[in-house]
Amino acid sequence: MVPVALVPVPLGPVALVPVALVTLQEESSRGYELMKRLVELGFEEKIAGTLYRTLGQMENEGLCKTEWETSDNGDPGCRVYSITNEGEAYLDSWAELGGNSTRQV
């Protein structure tokens, strides 16, 4: 018998913001790398469009920021996402509310 805590449960869109922020807390990331990590955590693989739209909204709200990373070998550059102080405050508030937030992103 598998313990309930170990049974994979698909995560819904409402969890995307806090889980993305926690993931960015661990390490700044490119969008594609973040998407792969979120899929490993239980989000559906078809999350790409939703993720990039959500990241844009999160950046507009100041929860994360991006920096343009260029490549030394001629590959195209890309955005690297990282959490901001506002994002950290959002997570603190979210945790205090027991994972229930009415804030819309």
PDB file of N, CA and C in Angstrom:
ATOM      1  N   MET A   1       0.842  -1.175   0.000  1.00  0.00           N
ATOM      2  CA  MET A   1       0.000   0.000   0.000  1.00  0.00           C
ATOM      3  C   MET A   1       0.893   1.246   0.000  1.00  0.00           C
ATOM      4  N   VAL A   2       0.586   2.197  -0.869  1.00  0.00           N
ATOM      5  CA  VAL A   2       1.354   3.436  -0.982  1.00  0.00           C
ATOM      6  C   VAL A   2       0.766   4.463  -0.031  1.00  0.00           C
ATOM      7  N   PRO A   3       1.609   5.105   0.815  1.00  0.00           N
ATOM      8  CA  PRO A   3       1.085   6.152   1.700  1.00  0.00           C
ATOM      9  C   PRO A   3       0.408   7.252   0.875  1.00  0.00           C
ATOM     10  N   VAL A   4      -0.680   7.793   1.401  1.00  0.00           N
ATOM     11  CA  VAL A   4      -1.451   8.811   0.692  1.00  0.00           C
ATOM     12  C   VAL A   4      -0.569   9.988   0.293  1.00  0.00           C
ATOM     13  N   ALA A   5       0.363  10.378   1.141  1.00  0.00           N
ATOM     14  CA  ALA A   5       1.223  11.521   0.856  1.00  0.00           C
ATOM     15  C   ALA A   5       2.109  11.297  -0.365  1.00  0.00           C
ATOM     16  N   LEU A   6       2.299  10.041  -0.768  1.00  0.00           N
ATOM     17  CA  LEU A   6       3.171   9.743  -1.898  1.00  0.00           C
ATOM     18  C   LEU A   6       2.414   9.498  -3.196  1.00  0.00           C
ATOM     19  N   VAL A   7       1.095   9.541  -3.137  1.00  0.00           N
ATOM     20  CA  VAL A   7       0.298   9.336  -4.339  1.00  0.00           C
ATOM     21  C   VAL A   7       0.312  10.628  -5.146  1.00  0.00           C
ATOM     22  N   PRO A   8       0.768  10.579  -6.412  1.00  0.00           N
ATOM     23  CA  PRO A   8       0.817  11.806  -7.200  1.00  0.00           C
ATOM     24  C   PRO A   8      -0.586  12.337  -7.486  1.00  0.00           C
ATOM     25  N   VAL A   9      -0.755  13.613  -7.269  1.00  0.00           N
ATOM     26  CA  VAL A   9      -2.030  14.272  -7.515  1.00  0.00           C
ATOM     27  C   VAL A   9      -1.770  15.407  -8.500  1.00  0.00           C
ATOM     28  N   PRO A  10      -2.516  15.469  -9.605  1.00  0.00           N
ATOM     29  CA  PRO A  10      -2.318  16.575 -10.537  1.00  0.00           C
ATOM     30  C   PRO A  10      -2.608  17.904  -9.849  1.00  0.00           C
ATOM     31  N   LEU A  11      -1.724  18.851 -10.030  1.00  0.00           N
ATOM     32  CA  LEU A  11      -1.908  20.165  -9.434  1.00  0.00           C
ATOM     33  C   LEU A  11      -2.666  21.059 -10.395  1.00  0.00           C
ATOM     34  N   GLY A  12      -3.564  21.851  -9.875  1.00  0.00           N
ATOM     35  CA  GLY A  12      -4.381  22.733 -10.699  1.00  0.00           C
ATOM     36  C   GLY A  12      -3.783  24.118 -10.827  1.00  0.00           C
ATOM     37  N   PRO A  13      -4.388  24.941 -11.677  1.00  0.00           N
ATOM     38  CA  PRO A  13      -3.884  26.293 -11.936  1.00  0.00           C
ATOM     39  C   PRO A  13      -3.799  27.163 -10.692  1.00  0.00           C
ATOM     40  N   VAL A  14      -4.677  26.941  -9.702  1.00  0.00           N
ATOM     41  CA  VAL A  14      -4.657  27.770  -8.506  1.00  0.00           C
ATOM     42  C   VAL A  14      -3.345  27.604  -7.734  1.00  0.00           C
ATOM     43  N   ALA A  15      -2.688  26.477  -7.889  1.00  0.00           N
ATOM     44  CA  ALA A  15      -1.428  26.214  -7.196  1.00  0.00           C
ATOM     45  C   ALA A  15      -0.222  26.710  -7.980  1.00  0.00           C
ATOM     46  N   LEU A  16      -0.411  27.142  -9.211  1.00  0.00           N
ATOM     47  CA  LEU A  16       0.716  27.472 -10.077  1.00  0.00           C
ATOM     48  C   LEU A  16       1.570  28.608  -9.520  1.00  0.00           C
ATOM     49  N   VAL A  17       0.957  29.690  -9.079  1.00  0.00           N
ATOM     50  CA  VAL A  17       1.734  30.838  -8.596  1.00  0.00           C
ATOM     51  C   VAL A  17       2.579  30.473  -7.384  1.00  0.00           C
ATOM     52  N   PRO A  18       1.985  29.951  -6.305  1.00  0.00           N
ATOM     53  CA  PRO A  18       2.833  29.644  -5.156  1.00  0.00           C
ATOM     54  C   PRO A  18       3.883  28.567  -5.429  1.00  0.00           C
ATOM     55  N   VAL A  19       3.534  27.556  -6.206  1.00  0.00           N
ATOM     56  CA  VAL A  19       4.518  26.499  -6.485  1.00  0.00           C
ATOM     57  C   VAL A  19       5.634  27.039  -7.367  1.00  0.00           C
ATOM     58  N   ALA A  20       5.305  27.875  -8.340  1.00  0.00           N
ATOM     59  CA  ALA A  20       6.347  28.490  -9.177  1.00  0.00           C
ATOM     60  C   ALA A  20       7.257  29.358  -8.326  1.00  0.00           C
ATOM     61  N   LEU A  21       6.686  30.129  -7.399  1.00  0.00           N
ATOM     62  CA  LEU A  21       7.506  30.986  -6.541  1.00  0.00           C
ATOM     63  C   LEU A  21       8.410  30.181  -5.623  1.00  0.00           C
ATOM     64  N   VAL A  22       7.885  29.117  -5.050  1.00  0.00           N
ATOM     65  CA  VAL A  22       8.722  28.264  -4.191  1.00  0.00           C
ATOM     66  C   VAL A  22       9.855  27.662  -5.018  1.00  0.00           C
ATOM     67  N   THR A  23       9.543  27.252  -6.229  1.00  0.00           N
ATOM     68  CA  THR A  23      10.568  26.685  -7.112  1.00  0.00           C
ATOM     69  C   THR A  23      11.622  27.734  -7.437  1.00  0.00           C
ATOM     70  N   LEU A  24      11.195  28.972  -7.676  1.00  0.00           N
ATOM     71  CA  LEU A  24      12.148  30.048  -7.956  1.00  0.00           C
ATOM     72  C   LEU A  24      12.928  30.449  -6.711  1.00  0.00           C
ATOM     73  N   GLN A  25      12.362  30.215  -5.532  1.00  0.00           N
ATOM     74  CA  GLN A  25      13.081  30.454  -4.284  1.00  0.00           C
ATOM     75  C   GLN A  25      14.303  29.547  -4.210  1.00  0.00           C
ATOM     76  N   GLU A  26      14.115  28.325  -4.659  1.00  0.00           N
ATOM     77  CA  GLU A  26      15.199  27.348  -4.627  1.00  0.00           C
ATOM     78  C   GLU A  26      16.298  27.721  -5.609  1.00  0.00           C
ATOM     79  N   GLU A  27      15.886  28.208  -6.800  1.00  0.00           N
ATOM     80  CA  GLU A  27      16.870  28.506  -7.843  1.00  0.00           C
ATOM     81  C   GLU A  27      16.215  29.324  -8.954  1.00  0.00           C
ATOM     82  N   SER A  28      16.893  30.397  -9.370  1.00  0.00           N
ATOM     83  CA  SER A  28      16.428  31.143 -10.544  1.00  0.00           C
ATOM     84  C   SER A  28      16.437  30.190 -11.730  1.00  0.00           C
ATOM     85  N   SER A  29      15.552  30.440 -12.688  1.00  0.00           N
ATOM     86  CA  SER A  29      15.383  29.448 -13.736  1.00  0.00           C
ATOM     87  C   SER A  29      14.889  30.064 -15.034  1.00  0.00           C
ATOM     88  N   ARG A  30      15.245  29.435 -16.147  1.00  0.00           N
ATOM     89  CA  ARG A  30      14.648  29.748 -17.437  1.00  0.00           C
ATOM     90  C   ARG A  30      13.238  29.172 -17.436  1.00  0.00           C
ATOM     91  N   GLY A  31      12.369  29.728 -18.268  1.00  0.00           N
ATOM     92  CA  GLY A  31      10.987  29.271 -18.314  1.00  0.00           C
ATOM     93  C   GLY A  31      10.858  27.785 -18.603  1.00  0.00           C
ATOM     94  N   TYR A  32      11.625  27.298 -19.573  1.00  0.00           N
ATOM     95  CA  TYR A  32      11.532  25.891 -19.944  1.00  0.00           C
ATOM     96  C   TYR A  32      11.980  24.988 -18.798  1.00  0.00           C
ATOM     97  N   GLU A  33      13.049  25.392 -18.095  1.00  0.00           N
ATOM     98  CA  GLU A  33      13.536  24.606 -16.959  1.00  0.00           C
ATOM     99  C   GLU A  33      12.505  24.615 -15.834  1.00  0.00           C
ATOM    100  N   LEU A  34      11.893  25.768 -15.609  1.00  0.00           N
ATOM    101  CA  LEU A  34      10.862  25.876 -14.586  1.00  0.00           C
ATOM    102  C   LEU A  34       9.681  24.975 -14.934  1.00  0.00           C
ATOM    103  N   MET A  35       9.290  24.982 -16.199  1.00  0.00           N
ATOM    104  CA  MET A  35       8.185  24.139 -16.639  1.00  0.00           C
ATOM    105  C   MET A  35       8.489  22.660 -16.382  1.00  0.00           C
ATOM    106  N   LYS A  36       9.692  22.210 -16.700  1.00  0.00           N
ATOM    107  CA  LYS A  36      10.073  20.819 -16.464  1.00  0.00           C
ATOM    108  C   LYS A  36       9.990  20.479 -14.981  1.00  0.00           C
ATOM    109  N   ARG A  37      10.444  21.382 -14.129  1.00  0.00           N
ATOM    110  CA  ARG A  37      10.396  21.136 -12.688  1.00  0.00           C
ATOM    111  C   ARG A  37       8.955  21.080 -12.186  1.00  0.00           C
ATOM    112  N   LEU A  38       8.095  21.941 -12.735  1.00  0.00           N
ATOM    113  CA  LEU A  38       6.697  21.943 -12.324  1.00  0.00           C
ATOM    114  C   LEU A  38       5.994  20.652 -12.749  1.00  0.00           C
ATOM    115  N   VAL A  39       6.327  20.147 -13.922  1.00  0.00           N
ATOM    116  CA  VAL A  39       5.756  18.874 -14.373  1.00  0.00           C
ATOM    117  C   VAL A  39       6.201  17.755 -13.423  1.00  0.00           C
ATOM    118  N   GLU A  40       7.461  17.777 -13.007  1.00  0.00           N
ATOM    119  CA  GLU A  40       7.960  16.779 -12.060  1.00  0.00           C
ATOM    120  C   GLU A  40       7.212  16.852 -10.729  1.00  0.00           C
ATOM    121  N   LEU A  41       6.733  18.063 -10.378  1.00  0.00           N
ATOM    122  CA  LEU A  41       6.013  18.251  -9.121  1.00  0.00           C
ATOM    123  C   LEU A  41       4.526  17.913  -9.217  1.00  0.00           C
ATOM    124  N   GLY A  42       4.035  17.644 -10.434  1.00  0.00           N
ATOM    125  CA  GLY A  42       2.655  17.209 -10.551  1.00  0.00           C
ATOM    126  C   GLY A  42       1.771  18.006 -11.486  1.00  0.00           C
ATOM    127  N   PHE A  43       2.294  19.060 -12.102  1.00  0.00           N
ATOM    128  CA  PHE A  43       1.504  19.795 -13.080  1.00  0.00           C
ATOM    129  C   PHE A  43       1.465  19.030 -14.394  1.00  0.00           C
ATOM    130  N   GLU A  44       0.402  19.247 -15.165  1.00  0.00           N
ATOM    131  CA  GLU A  44       0.273  18.575 -16.452  1.00  0.00           C
ATOM    132  C   GLU A  44       1.324  19.088 -17.429  1.00  0.00           C
ATOM    133  N   GLU A  45       1.711  18.246 -18.364  1.00  0.00           N
ATOM    134  CA  GLU A  45       2.740  18.619 -19.337  1.00  0.00           C
ATOM    135  C   GLU A  45       2.290  19.712 -20.289  1.00  0.00           C
ATOM    136  N   LYS A  46       0.987  19.910 -20.435  1.00  0.00           N
ATOM    137  CA  LYS A  46       0.488  20.938 -21.345  1.00  0.00           C
ATOM    138  C   LYS A  46       0.401  22.314 -20.676  1.00  0.00           C
ATOM    139  N   ILE A  47       1.218  22.551 -19.677  1.00  0.00           N
ATOM    140  CA  ILE A  47       1.181  23.770 -18.885  1.00  0.00           C
ATOM    141  C   ILE A  47       1.899  24.955 -19.554  1.00  0.00           C
ATOM    142  N   ALA A  48       2.624  24.742 -20.619  1.00  0.00           N
ATOM    143  CA  ALA A  48       3.495  25.772 -21.195  1.00  0.00           C
ATOM    144  C   ALA A  48       2.808  27.117 -21.402  1.00  0.00           C
ATOM    145  N   GLY A  49       1.711  27.158 -22.127  1.00  0.00           N
ATOM    146  CA  GLY A  49       1.038  28.428 -22.393  1.00  0.00           C
ATOM    147  C   GLY A  49       0.577  29.113 -21.122  1.00  0.00           C
ATOM    148  N   THR A  50       0.019  28.333 -20.226  1.00  0.00           N
ATOM    149  CA  THR A  50      -0.445  28.876 -18.947  1.00  0.00           C
ATOM    150  C   THR A  50       0.721  29.396 -18.130  1.00  0.00           C
ATOM    151  N   LEU A  51       1.820  28.669 -18.112  1.00  0.00           N
ATOM    152  CA  LEU A  51       2.977  29.076 -17.320  1.00  0.00           C
ATOM    153  C   LEU A  51       3.533  30.408 -17.801  1.00  0.00           C
ATOM    154  N   TYR A  52       3.766  30.554 -19.088  1.00  0.00           N
ATOM    155  CA  TYR A  52       4.360  31.795 -19.585  1.00  0.00           C
ATOM    156  C   TYR A  52       3.431  32.982 -19.388  1.00  0.00           C
ATOM    157  N   ARG A  53       2.130  32.772 -19.542  1.00  0.00           N
ATOM    158  CA  ARG A  53       1.156  33.837 -19.292  1.00  0.00           C
ATOM    159  C   ARG A  53       1.177  34.216 -17.806  1.00  0.00           C
ATOM    160  N   THR A  54       1.212  33.204 -16.938  1.00  0.00           N
ATOM    161  CA  THR A  54       1.240  33.432 -15.497  1.00  0.00           C
ATOM    162  C   THR A  54       2.537  34.118 -15.075  1.00  0.00           C
ATOM    163  N   LEU A  55       3.659  33.702 -15.643  1.00  0.00           N
ATOM    164  CA  LEU A  55       4.937  34.350 -15.316  1.00  0.00           C
ATOM    165  C   LEU A  55       4.906  35.832 -15.700  1.00  0.00           C
ATOM    166  N   GLY A  56       4.301  36.140 -16.843  1.00  0.00           N
ATOM    167  CA  GLY A  56       4.177  37.537 -17.259  1.00  0.00           C
ATOM    168  C   GLY A  56       3.334  38.336 -16.281  1.00  0.00           C
ATOM    169  N   GLN A  57       2.232  37.746 -15.819  1.00  0.00           N
ATOM    170  CA  GLN A  57       1.381  38.416 -14.838  1.00  0.00           C
ATOM    171  C   GLN A  57       2.114  38.565 -13.501  1.00  0.00           C
ATOM    172  N   MET A  58       2.848  37.531 -13.116  1.00  0.00           N
ATOM    173  CA  MET A  58       3.611  37.592 -11.871  1.00  0.00           C
ATOM    174  C   MET A  58       4.665  38.690 -11.946  1.00  0.00           C
ATOM    175  N   GLU A  59       5.303  38.829 -13.096  1.00  0.00           N
ATOM    176  CA  GLU A  59       6.312  39.884 -13.268  1.00  0.00           C
ATOM    177  C   GLU A  59       5.648  41.256 -13.206  1.00  0.00           C
ATOM    178  N   ASN A  60       4.487  41.407 -13.847  1.00  0.00           N
ATOM    179  CA  ASN A  60       3.764  42.682 -13.805  1.00  0.00           C
ATOM    180  C   ASN A  60       3.372  43.071 -12.388  1.00  0.00           C
ATOM    181  N   GLU A  61       3.075  42.077 -11.561  1.00  0.00           N
ATOM    182  CA  GLU A  61       2.705  42.332 -10.171  1.00  0.00           C
ATOM    183  C   GLU A  61       3.916  42.440  -9.260  1.00  0.00           C
ATOM    184  N   GLY A  62       5.102  42.206  -9.777  1.00  0.00           N
ATOM    185  CA  GLY A  62       6.314  42.330  -8.985  1.00  0.00           C
ATOM    186  C   GLY A  62       6.679  41.105  -8.177  1.00  0.00           C
ATOM    187  N   LEU A  63       6.025  39.966  -8.437  1.00  0.00           N
ATOM    188  CA  LEU A  63       6.316  38.745  -7.686  1.00  0.00           C
ATOM    189  C   LEU A  63       7.602  38.067  -8.148  1.00  0.00           C
ATOM    190  N   CYS A  64       7.952  38.286  -9.400  1.00  0.00           N
ATOM    191  CA  CYS A  64       9.203  37.761  -9.936  1.00  0.00           C
ATOM    192  C   CYS A  64       9.776  38.793 -10.891  1.00  0.00           C
ATOM    193  N   LYS A  65      11.008  38.597 -11.245  1.00  0.00           N
ATOM    194  CA  LYS A  65      11.659  39.486 -12.210  1.00  0.00           C
ATOM    195  C   LYS A  65      12.411  38.629 -13.208  1.00  0.00           C
ATOM    196  N   THR A  66      12.747  39.238 -14.333  1.00  0.00           N
ATOM    197  CA  THR A  66      13.518  38.509 -15.331  1.00  0.00           C
ATOM    198  C   THR A  66      14.776  39.283 -15.677  1.00  0.00           C
ATOM    199  N   GLU A  67      15.762  38.532 -16.062  1.00  0.00           N
ATOM    200  CA  GLU A  67      16.994  39.090 -16.604  1.00  0.00           C
ATOM    201  C   GLU A  67      17.267  38.367 -17.908  1.00  0.00           C
ATOM    202  N   TRP A  68      17.795  39.080 -18.860  1.00  0.00           N
ATOM    203  CA  TRP A  68      18.113  38.493 -20.154  1.00  0.00           C
ATOM    204  C   TRP A  68      19.483  37.867 -20.076  1.00  0.00           C
ATOM    205  N   GLU A  69      19.552  36.585 -20.356  1.00  0.00           N
ATOM    206  CA  GLU A  69      20.816  35.851 -20.321  1.00  0.00           C
ATOM    207  C   GLU A  69      21.260  35.580 -21.747  1.00  0.00           C
ATOM    208  N   THR A  70      22.435  36.020 -22.076  1.00  0.00           N
ATOM    209  CA  THR A  70      22.960  35.771 -23.415  1.00  0.00           C
ATOM    210  C   THR A  70      23.893  34.573 -23.386  1.00  0.00           C
ATOM    211  N   SER A  71      24.092  34.014 -24.549  1.00  0.00           N
ATOM    212  CA  SER A  71      24.927  32.833 -24.670  1.00  0.00           C
ATOM    213  C   SER A  71      26.273  33.218 -25.282  1.00  0.00           C
ATOM    214  N   ASP A  72      27.328  32.588 -24.800  1.00  0.00           N
ATOM    215  CA  ASP A  72      28.659  32.826 -25.351  1.00  0.00           C
ATOM    216  C   ASP A  72      28.891  32.062 -26.654  1.00  0.00           C
ATOM    217  N   ASN A  73      28.072  31.045 -26.905  1.00  0.00           N
ATOM    218  CA  ASN A  73      28.314  30.198 -28.076  1.00  0.00           C
ATOM    219  C   ASN A  73      27.391  30.527 -29.257  1.00  0.00           C
ATOM    220  N   GLY A  74      26.717  31.671 -29.206  1.00  0.00           N
ATOM    221  CA  GLY A  74      25.892  32.072 -30.333  1.00  0.00           C
ATOM    222  C   GLY A  74      24.446  31.626 -30.275  1.00  0.00           C
ATOM    223  N   ASP A  75      24.088  30.815 -29.262  1.00  0.00           N
ATOM    224  CA  ASP A  75      22.688  30.427 -29.112  1.00  0.00           C
ATOM    225  C   ASP A  75      21.868  31.666 -28.757  1.00  0.00           C
ATOM    226  N   PRO A  76      20.578  31.643 -29.086  1.00  0.00           N
ATOM    227  CA  PRO A  76      19.744  32.789 -28.730  1.00  0.00           C
ATOM    228  C   PRO A  76      19.687  32.974 -27.212  1.00  0.00           C
ATOM    229  N   GLY A  77      19.547  34.202 -26.792  1.00  0.00           N
ATOM    230  CA  GLY A  77      19.430  34.480 -25.374  1.00  0.00           C
ATOM    231  C   GLY A  77      18.069  34.058 -24.851  1.00  0.00           C
ATOM    232  N   CYS A  78      17.908  34.129 -23.542  1.00  0.00           N
ATOM    233  CA  CYS A  78      16.619  33.759 -22.954  1.00  0.00           C
ATOM    234  C   CYS A  78      16.435  34.485 -21.628  1.00  0.00           C
ATOM    235  N   ARG A  79      15.186  34.505 -21.182  1.00  0.00           N
ATOM    236  CA  ARG A  79      14.853  35.108 -19.894  1.00  0.00           C
ATOM    237  C   ARG A  79      15.152  34.130 -18.764  1.00  0.00           C
ATOM    238  N   VAL A  80      15.676  34.669 -17.679  1.00  0.00           N
ATOM    239  CA  VAL A  80      15.878  33.890 -16.458  1.00  0.00           C
ATOM    240  C   VAL A  80      15.006  34.540 -15.388  1.00  0.00           C
ATOM    241  N   TYR A  81      14.131  33.747 -14.796  1.00  0.00           N
ATOM    242  CA  TYR A  81      13.175  34.228 -13.806  1.00  0.00           C
ATOM    243  C   TYR A  81      13.730  34.024 -12.397  1.00  0.00           C
ATOM    244  N   SER A  82      13.468  35.006 -11.524  1.00  0.00           N
ATOM    245  CA  SER A  82      13.840  34.873 -10.115  1.00  0.00           C
ATOM    246  C   SER A  82      12.769  35.547  -9.258  1.00  0.00           C
ATOM    247  N   ILE A  83      12.675  35.107  -8.028  1.00  0.00           N
ATOM    248  CA  ILE A  83      11.674  35.637  -7.111  1.00  0.00           C
ATOM    249  C   ILE A  83      12.132  36.998  -6.578  1.00  0.00           C
ATOM    250  N   THR A  84      11.193  37.876  -6.279  1.00  0.00           N
ATOM    251  CA  THR A  84      11.485  39.196  -5.718  1.00  0.00           C
ATOM    252  C   THR A  84      11.082  39.218  -4.241  1.00  0.00           C
ATOM    253  N   ASN A  85      11.373  40.326  -3.576  1.00  0.00           N
ATOM    254  CA  ASN A  85      10.936  40.489  -2.188  1.00  0.00           C
ATOM    255  C   ASN A  85       9.410  40.437  -2.100  1.00  0.00           C
ATOM    256  N   GLU A  86       8.735  41.021  -3.084  1.00  0.00           N
ATOM    257  CA  GLU A  86       7.269  40.972  -3.126  1.00  0.00           C
ATOM    258  C   GLU A  86       6.792  39.516  -3.267  1.00  0.00           C
ATOM    259  N   GLY A  87       7.493  38.732  -4.059  1.00  0.00           N
ATOM    260  CA  GLY A  87       7.163  37.314  -4.201  1.00  0.00           C
ATOM    261  C   GLY A  87       7.358  36.560  -2.896  1.00  0.00           C
ATOM    262  N   GLU A  88       8.424  36.897  -2.180  1.00  0.00           N
ATOM    263  CA  GLU A  88       8.674  36.280  -0.873  1.00  0.00           C
ATOM    264  C   GLU A  88       7.543  36.635   0.091  1.00  0.00           C
ATOM    265  N   ALA A  89       7.106  37.904   0.075  1.00  0.00           N
ATOM    266  CA  ALA A  89       6.012  38.342   0.939  1.00  0.00           C
ATOM    267  C   ALA A  89       4.710  37.620   0.574  1.00  0.00           C
ATOM    268  N   TYR A  90       4.477  37.434  -0.727  1.00  0.00           N
ATOM    269  CA  TYR A  90       3.296  36.701  -1.181  1.00  0.00           C
ATOM    270  C   TYR A  90       3.303  35.288  -0.603  1.00  0.00           C
ATOM    271  N   LEU A  91       4.460  34.620  -0.670  1.00  0.00           N
ATOM    272  CA  LEU A  91       4.553  33.255  -0.134  1.00  0.00           C
ATOM    273  C   LEU A  91       4.322  33.228   1.371  1.00  0.00           C
ATOM    274  N   ASP A  92       4.873  34.216   2.086  1.00  0.00           N
ATOM    275  CA  ASP A  92       4.650  34.276   3.533  1.00  0.00           C
ATOM    276  C   ASP A  92       3.161  34.417   3.836  1.00  0.00           C
ATOM    277  N   SER A  93       2.504  35.314   3.119  1.00  0.00           N
ATOM    278  CA  SER A  93       1.073  35.539   3.299  1.00  0.00           C
ATOM    279  C   SER A  93       0.282  34.290   2.940  1.00  0.00           C
ATOM    280  N   TRP A  94       0.657  33.657   1.850  1.00  0.00           N
ATOM    281  CA  TRP A  94      -0.015  32.445   1.388  1.00  0.00           C
ATOM    282  C   TRP A  94       0.110  31.338   2.435  1.00  0.00           C
ATOM    283  N   ALA A  95       1.305  31.206   3.011  1.00  0.00           N
ATOM    284  CA  ALA A  95       1.534  30.174   4.033  1.00  0.00           C
ATOM    285  C   ALA A  95       0.726  30.479   5.295  1.00  0.00           C
ATOM    286  N   GLU A  96       0.652  31.762   5.687  1.00  0.00           N
ATOM    287  CA  GLU A  96      -0.118  32.139   6.867  1.00  0.00           C
ATOM    288  C   GLU A  96      -1.599  31.828   6.690  1.00  0.00           C
ATOM    289  N   LEU A  97      -2.066  31.928   5.456  1.00  0.00           N
ATOM    290  CA  LEU A  97      -3.472  31.634   5.170  1.00  0.00           C
ATOM    291  C   LEU A  97      -3.708  30.135   4.967  1.00  0.00           C
ATOM    292  N   GLY A  98      -2.688  29.338   5.197  1.00  0.00           N
ATOM    293  CA  GLY A  98      -2.826  27.888   5.062  1.00  0.00           C
ATOM    294  C   GLY A  98      -2.918  27.432   3.623  1.00  0.00           C
ATOM    295  N   GLY A  99      -2.302  28.193   2.711  1.00  0.00           N
ATOM    296  CA  GLY A  99      -2.329  27.833   1.293  1.00  0.00           C
ATOM    297  C   GLY A  99      -3.575  28.283   0.582  1.00  0.00           C
ATOM    298  N   ASN A 100      -4.373  29.101   1.250  1.00  0.00           N
ATOM    299  CA  ASN A 100      -5.581  29.633   0.625  1.00  0.00           C
ATOM    300  C   ASN A 100      -5.405  31.127   0.414  1.00  0.00           C
ATOM    301  N   SER A 101      -5.324  31.540  -0.810  1.00  0.00           N
ATOM    302  CA  SER A 101      -5.162  32.949  -1.110  1.00  0.00           C
ATOM    303  C   SER A 101      -6.267  33.401  -2.037  1.00  0.00           C
ATOM    304  N   THR A 102      -6.792  34.553  -1.767  1.00  0.00           N
ATOM    305  CA  THR A 102      -7.815  35.110  -2.655  1.00  0.00           C
ATOM    306  C   THR A 102      -7.194  36.023  -3.696  1.00  0.00           C
ATOM    307  N   ARG A 103      -5.895  36.239  -3.607  1.00  0.00           N
ATOM    308  CA  ARG A 103      -5.217  37.109  -4.562  1.00  0.00           C
ATOM    309  C   ARG A 103      -5.215  36.454  -5.931  1.00  0.00           C
ATOM    310  N   GLN A 104      -5.617  37.182  -6.910  1.00  0.00           N
ATOM    311  CA  GLN A 104      -5.655  36.675  -8.275  1.00  0.00           C
ATOM    312  C   GLN A 104      -4.442  37.161  -9.032  1.00  0.00           C
ATOM    313  N   VAL A 105      -3.822  36.283  -9.759  1.00  0.00           N
ATOM    314  CA  VAL A 105      -2.697  36.657 -10.620  1.00  0.00           C
ATOM    315  C   VAL A 105      -3.132  36.455 -12.033  1.00  0.00           C
TER     316      VAL A 105
END
